[in-house]
Amino acid sequence: MTNTTIFQKIIQGEIPCEKLYEDKLCIAFNDISAQAPIHYLVIPKKPIPSLRDCTEIDKNLLGHLILVGQKIAEDKKLSNWRTVINTGAESGQTVFHLHIHFLSGRAMLWPPG
């Protein structure tokens, strides 16, 4: 038995979201726990737990996710944004379905966290 993540429930339409984009490979939506004035997620519909679980087969999907996030940034007229993929609990990953954070609208400090 596998646990259904909140992201799988969003993909299946069981949980509503502020959808920004959707195609056959992915969905993008605003993060409900926003860490910046603009904070959205791009997630694959394929259930990949984390970046460490990706394989050679996923390379085109990964590129697609990044380009979808870039298109949304362009649509929002963003000139600067931070892109984050947390991998594993110690990095801050709380939902174990691969997702890419896109954050903007405030200065991003370095180092993060």
N, C-alpha and C. Protein backbone atom coordinates (compact mmCIF):
# COMPACT_ATOMS: atom_id res chain seq x y z
N MET A 1 0.83 -1.18 0.00
CA MET A 1 0.00 0.00 0.00
C MET A 1 0.88 1.25 0.00
N THR A 2 0.57 2.19 -0.87
CA THR A 2 1.34 3.42 -0.91
C THR A 2 0.52 4.57 -0.36
N ASN A 3 1.20 5.54 0.22
CA ASN A 3 0.52 6.72 0.72
C ASN A 3 0.31 7.69 -0.43
N THR A 4 -0.86 8.24 -0.52
CA THR A 4 -1.16 9.24 -1.53
C THR A 4 -0.76 10.59 -0.97
N THR A 5 0.12 11.31 -1.67
CA THR A 5 0.56 12.63 -1.20
C THR A 5 -0.48 13.68 -1.52
N ILE A 6 -0.35 14.81 -0.87
CA ILE A 6 -1.24 15.94 -1.15
C ILE A 6 -1.12 16.36 -2.61
N PHE A 7 0.08 16.24 -3.18
CA PHE A 7 0.26 16.63 -4.58
C PHE A 7 -0.47 15.66 -5.52
N GLN A 8 -0.47 14.38 -5.20
CA GLN A 8 -1.22 13.43 -6.02
C GLN A 8 -2.72 13.74 -5.94
N LYS A 9 -3.18 14.16 -4.77
CA LYS A 9 -4.59 14.52 -4.62
C LYS A 9 -4.92 15.78 -5.42
N ILE A 10 -3.97 16.72 -5.49
CA ILE A 10 -4.16 17.91 -6.32
C ILE A 10 -4.23 17.51 -7.79
N ILE A 11 -3.31 16.67 -8.23
CA ILE A 11 -3.28 16.21 -9.62
C ILE A 11 -4.59 15.52 -9.98
N GLN A 12 -5.11 14.72 -9.06
CA GLN A 12 -6.35 13.96 -9.30
C GLN A 12 -7.61 14.82 -9.15
N GLY A 13 -7.44 16.08 -8.74
CA GLY A 13 -8.58 16.98 -8.58
C GLY A 13 -9.33 16.81 -7.28
N GLU A 14 -8.76 16.05 -6.34
CA GLU A 14 -9.42 15.84 -5.05
C GLU A 14 -9.25 17.03 -4.12
N ILE A 15 -8.17 17.79 -4.32
CA ILE A 15 -7.89 18.98 -3.52
C ILE A 15 -7.75 20.15 -4.49
N PRO A 16 -8.47 21.25 -4.25
CA PRO A 16 -8.34 22.39 -5.16
C PRO A 16 -7.01 23.12 -4.98
N CYS A 17 -6.62 23.85 -6.00
CA CYS A 17 -5.42 24.66 -5.95
C CYS A 17 -5.60 25.88 -6.84
N GLU A 18 -4.74 26.88 -6.66
CA GLU A 18 -4.71 28.03 -7.54
C GLU A 18 -3.82 27.67 -8.72
N LYS A 19 -4.42 27.00 -9.70
CA LYS A 19 -3.67 26.47 -10.84
C LYS A 19 -3.17 27.59 -11.74
N LEU A 20 -1.89 27.50 -12.09
CA LEU A 20 -1.27 28.45 -13.00
C LEU A 20 -1.05 27.86 -14.38
N TYR A 21 -0.92 26.52 -14.43
CA TYR A 21 -0.60 25.85 -15.68
C TYR A 21 -0.88 24.36 -15.50
N GLU A 22 -1.26 23.71 -16.60
CA GLU A 22 -1.38 22.26 -16.58
C GLU A 22 -1.26 21.74 -18.00
N ASP A 23 -0.55 20.63 -18.14
CA ASP A 23 -0.49 19.89 -19.39
C ASP A 23 -0.45 18.40 -19.05
N LYS A 24 -0.16 17.56 -20.03
CA LYS A 24 -0.20 16.11 -19.77
C LYS A 24 0.94 15.64 -18.86
N LEU A 25 2.00 16.45 -18.71
CA LEU A 25 3.16 16.05 -17.92
C LEU A 25 3.22 16.66 -16.52
N CYS A 26 2.62 17.84 -16.36
CA CYS A 26 2.82 18.54 -15.08
C CYS A 26 1.67 19.47 -14.77
N ILE A 27 1.73 20.00 -13.56
CA ILE A 27 0.78 21.02 -13.10
C ILE A 27 1.59 22.03 -12.28
N ALA A 28 1.18 23.28 -12.35
CA ALA A 28 1.83 24.35 -11.57
C ALA A 28 0.74 25.10 -10.83
N PHE A 29 1.05 25.48 -9.60
CA PHE A 29 0.06 26.17 -8.77
C PHE A 29 0.77 26.98 -7.70
N ASN A 30 0.05 27.95 -7.14
CA ASN A 30 0.60 28.77 -6.07
C ASN A 30 0.78 27.94 -4.81
N ASP A 31 1.89 28.16 -4.11
CA ASP A 31 2.18 27.45 -2.87
C ASP A 31 1.30 28.02 -1.75
N ILE A 32 0.61 27.15 -1.02
CA ILE A 32 -0.26 27.62 0.06
C ILE A 32 0.53 28.06 1.29
N SER A 33 1.82 27.71 1.34
CA SER A 33 2.69 28.15 2.43
C SER A 33 3.77 29.05 1.84
N ALA A 34 3.36 30.08 1.15
CA ALA A 34 4.29 30.94 0.41
C ALA A 34 5.37 31.52 1.31
N GLN A 35 6.60 31.48 0.82
CA GLN A 35 7.76 32.02 1.52
C GLN A 35 8.25 33.31 0.87
N ALA A 36 7.52 33.79 -0.11
CA ALA A 36 7.84 35.04 -0.81
C ALA A 36 6.53 35.55 -1.41
N PRO A 37 6.48 36.82 -1.78
CA PRO A 37 5.26 37.35 -2.38
C PRO A 37 4.78 36.55 -3.59
N ILE A 38 5.70 36.04 -4.36
CA ILE A 38 5.37 35.12 -5.46
C ILE A 38 6.06 33.80 -5.14
N HIS A 39 5.28 32.74 -5.03
CA HIS A 39 5.83 31.43 -4.70
C HIS A 39 4.91 30.38 -5.31
N TYR A 40 5.39 29.74 -6.36
CA TYR A 40 4.59 28.70 -7.00
C TYR A 40 5.41 27.44 -7.16
N LEU A 41 4.71 26.34 -7.35
CA LEU A 41 5.33 25.03 -7.50
C LEU A 41 5.02 24.47 -8.87
N VAL A 42 5.98 23.76 -9.43
CA VAL A 42 5.76 23.00 -10.65
C VAL A 42 6.06 21.55 -10.29
N ILE A 43 5.07 20.67 -10.53
CA ILE A 43 5.23 19.27 -10.15
C ILE A 43 4.90 18.36 -11.33
N PRO A 44 5.63 17.25 -11.43
CA PRO A 44 5.28 16.29 -12.49
C PRO A 44 4.03 15.50 -12.09
N LYS A 45 3.27 15.08 -13.07
CA LYS A 45 2.15 14.19 -12.78
C LYS A 45 2.64 12.78 -12.48
N LYS A 46 3.80 12.45 -13.00
CA LYS A 46 4.43 11.16 -12.68
C LYS A 46 4.83 11.20 -11.21
N PRO A 47 4.48 10.21 -10.41
CA PRO A 47 4.80 10.22 -8.98
C PRO A 47 6.25 9.84 -8.70
N ILE A 48 7.12 10.84 -8.70
CA ILE A 48 8.54 10.66 -8.38
C ILE A 48 8.74 11.23 -6.98
N PRO A 49 9.16 10.43 -6.01
CA PRO A 49 9.27 10.92 -4.63
C PRO A 49 10.22 12.11 -4.45
N SER A 50 11.39 12.07 -5.10
CA SER A 50 12.35 13.17 -4.94
C SER A 50 13.33 13.15 -6.11
N LEU A 51 14.16 14.17 -6.16
CA LEU A 51 15.14 14.27 -7.24
C LEU A 51 16.07 13.06 -7.27
N ARG A 52 16.37 12.50 -6.11
CA ARG A 52 17.27 11.34 -6.07
C ARG A 52 16.65 10.10 -6.72
N ASP A 53 15.33 10.11 -6.92
CA ASP A 53 14.64 8.99 -7.53
C ASP A 53 14.50 9.11 -9.04
N CYS A 54 14.98 10.21 -9.60
CA CYS A 54 14.92 10.40 -11.06
C CYS A 54 15.95 9.51 -11.74
N THR A 55 15.63 9.12 -12.96
CA THR A 55 16.55 8.31 -13.76
C THR A 55 16.75 8.99 -15.11
N GLU A 56 17.57 8.39 -15.92
CA GLU A 56 17.83 8.89 -17.28
C GLU A 56 16.52 9.10 -18.04
N ILE A 57 15.55 8.26 -17.79
CA ILE A 57 14.25 8.35 -18.47
C ILE A 57 13.56 9.69 -18.18
N ASP A 58 13.86 10.29 -17.03
CA ASP A 58 13.18 11.50 -16.59
C ASP A 58 13.84 12.80 -17.05
N LYS A 59 14.93 12.73 -17.80
CA LYS A 59 15.66 13.96 -18.13
C LYS A 59 14.83 14.94 -18.94
N ASN A 60 14.03 14.47 -19.88
CA ASN A 60 13.18 15.40 -20.64
C ASN A 60 12.09 15.99 -19.77
N LEU A 61 11.53 15.19 -18.87
CA LEU A 61 10.52 15.67 -17.95
C LEU A 61 11.09 16.77 -17.06
N LEU A 62 12.29 16.56 -16.54
CA LEU A 62 12.92 17.56 -15.67
C LEU A 62 13.12 18.88 -16.41
N GLY A 63 13.59 18.81 -17.63
CA GLY A 63 13.74 20.02 -18.44
C GLY A 63 12.41 20.70 -18.68
N HIS A 64 11.38 19.91 -18.93
CA HIS A 64 10.05 20.46 -19.16
C HIS A 64 9.56 21.21 -17.92
N LEU A 65 9.76 20.65 -16.74
CA LEU A 65 9.32 21.30 -15.50
C LEU A 65 9.98 22.66 -15.34
N ILE A 66 11.27 22.73 -15.59
CA ILE A 66 12.01 23.99 -15.48
C ILE A 66 11.49 25.01 -16.49
N LEU A 67 11.27 24.57 -17.73
CA LEU A 67 10.79 25.49 -18.76
C LEU A 67 9.37 25.96 -18.50
N VAL A 68 8.53 25.12 -17.92
CA VAL A 68 7.19 25.55 -17.53
C VAL A 68 7.30 26.64 -16.46
N GLY A 69 8.16 26.42 -15.47
CA GLY A 69 8.36 27.43 -14.43
C GLY A 69 8.87 28.74 -15.00
N GLN A 70 9.76 28.66 -15.98
CA GLN A 70 10.28 29.86 -16.64
C GLN A 70 9.16 30.59 -17.39
N LYS A 71 8.32 29.85 -18.07
CA LYS A 71 7.21 30.46 -18.81
C LYS A 71 6.27 31.19 -17.87
N ILE A 72 5.97 30.59 -16.74
CA ILE A 72 5.11 31.25 -15.75
C ILE A 72 5.78 32.52 -15.24
N ALA A 73 7.08 32.46 -14.98
CA ALA A 73 7.82 33.65 -14.54
C ALA A 73 7.74 34.75 -15.60
N GLU A 74 7.89 34.39 -16.86
CA GLU A 74 7.78 35.37 -17.93
C GLU A 74 6.37 35.94 -18.00
N ASP A 75 5.36 35.09 -17.86
CA ASP A 75 3.96 35.56 -17.86
C ASP A 75 3.70 36.53 -16.72
N LYS A 76 4.38 36.32 -15.60
CA LYS A 76 4.24 37.21 -14.44
C LYS A 76 5.17 38.41 -14.52
N LYS A 77 5.91 38.52 -15.62
CA LYS A 77 6.84 39.63 -15.86
C LYS A 77 7.95 39.69 -14.81
N LEU A 78 8.40 38.51 -14.36
CA LEU A 78 9.48 38.45 -13.38
C LEU A 78 10.82 38.54 -14.10
N SER A 79 11.73 39.29 -13.54
CA SER A 79 13.08 39.33 -14.10
C SER A 79 14.07 38.59 -13.20
N ASN A 80 13.66 38.32 -11.97
CA ASN A 80 14.50 37.59 -11.01
C ASN A 80 13.63 36.61 -10.25
N TRP A 81 14.16 35.43 -10.03
CA TRP A 81 13.47 34.45 -9.19
C TRP A 81 14.48 33.42 -8.71
N ARG A 82 14.11 32.74 -7.65
CA ARG A 82 14.92 31.63 -7.13
C ARG A 82 14.19 30.35 -7.42
N THR A 83 14.94 29.34 -7.85
CA THR A 83 14.41 28.02 -8.14
C THR A 83 15.02 27.06 -7.13
N VAL A 84 14.17 26.28 -6.44
CA VAL A 84 14.64 25.40 -5.37
C VAL A 84 14.02 24.02 -5.53
N ILE A 85 14.85 22.99 -5.39
CA ILE A 85 14.37 21.61 -5.28
C ILE A 85 14.97 21.05 -4.00
N ASN A 86 14.13 20.80 -3.01
CA ASN A 86 14.59 20.16 -1.78
C ASN A 86 14.56 18.65 -1.99
N THR A 87 15.63 17.98 -1.56
CA THR A 87 15.73 16.53 -1.74
C THR A 87 16.03 15.90 -0.39
N GLY A 88 15.02 15.29 0.20
CA GLY A 88 15.18 14.65 1.51
C GLY A 88 14.70 15.55 2.64
N ALA A 89 14.31 14.92 3.72
CA ALA A 89 13.73 15.62 4.86
C ALA A 89 14.67 16.66 5.45
N GLU A 90 15.98 16.35 5.56
CA GLU A 90 16.91 17.30 6.16
C GLU A 90 17.10 18.55 5.31
N SER A 91 16.78 18.47 4.02
CA SER A 91 16.88 19.65 3.15
C SER A 91 15.64 20.51 3.23
N GLY A 92 14.58 20.00 3.85
CA GLY A 92 13.34 20.74 3.96
C GLY A 92 12.20 20.15 3.15
N GLN A 93 12.44 19.01 2.48
CA GLN A 93 11.36 18.39 1.72
C GLN A 93 10.33 17.83 2.69
N THR A 94 9.09 18.27 2.55
CA THR A 94 8.02 17.78 3.42
C THR A 94 6.98 16.96 2.67
N VAL A 95 6.88 17.15 1.37
CA VAL A 95 5.99 16.34 0.54
C VAL A 95 6.87 15.51 -0.38
N PHE A 96 6.76 14.20 -0.29
CA PHE A 96 7.64 13.34 -1.06
C PHE A 96 7.03 12.98 -2.42
N HIS A 97 6.91 14.05 -3.19
CA HIS A 97 6.54 14.03 -4.61
C HIS A 97 7.38 15.17 -5.17
N LEU A 98 8.26 14.87 -6.10
CA LEU A 98 9.16 15.88 -6.67
C LEU A 98 8.41 17.16 -6.97
N HIS A 99 8.96 18.28 -6.55
CA HIS A 99 8.37 19.58 -6.86
C HIS A 99 9.46 20.64 -6.89
N ILE A 100 9.25 21.61 -7.76
CA ILE A 100 10.21 22.71 -7.91
C ILE A 100 9.53 23.99 -7.43
N HIS A 101 10.19 24.67 -6.50
CA HIS A 101 9.72 25.95 -5.99
C HIS A 101 10.27 27.06 -6.87
N PHE A 102 9.43 28.02 -7.20
CA PHE A 102 9.85 29.24 -7.86
C PHE A 102 9.42 30.38 -6.96
N LEU A 103 10.39 31.19 -6.48
CA LEU A 103 10.12 32.26 -5.53
C LEU A 103 10.62 33.59 -6.08
N SER A 104 9.84 34.66 -5.84
CA SER A 104 10.23 35.99 -6.30
C SER A 104 9.46 37.04 -5.51
N GLY A 105 9.79 38.28 -5.76
CA GLY A 105 9.06 39.39 -5.15
C GLY A 105 9.72 39.95 -3.90
N ARG A 106 10.87 39.42 -3.53
CA ARG A 106 11.65 39.96 -2.42
C ARG A 106 13.10 39.57 -2.63
N ALA A 107 14.00 40.24 -1.94
CA ALA A 107 15.41 39.89 -2.03
C ALA A 107 15.64 38.53 -1.41
N MET A 108 16.42 37.70 -2.09
CA MET A 108 16.76 36.37 -1.59
C MET A 108 18.19 36.42 -1.06
N LEU A 109 18.34 36.08 0.19
CA LEU A 109 19.65 36.12 0.83
C LEU A 109 20.43 34.85 0.55
N TRP A 110 21.74 34.94 0.67
CA TRP A 110 22.60 33.78 0.52
C TRP A 110 23.59 33.78 1.66
N PRO A 111 23.85 32.67 2.30
CA PRO A 111 23.25 31.38 2.04
C PRO A 111 21.83 31.31 2.57
N PRO A 112 21.00 30.47 1.93
CA PRO A 112 19.62 30.31 2.38
C PRO A 112 19.56 29.50 3.68
N GLY A 113 18.46 29.59 4.35
CA GLY A 113 18.16 28.76 5.51
C GLY A 113 18.98 29.05 6.70
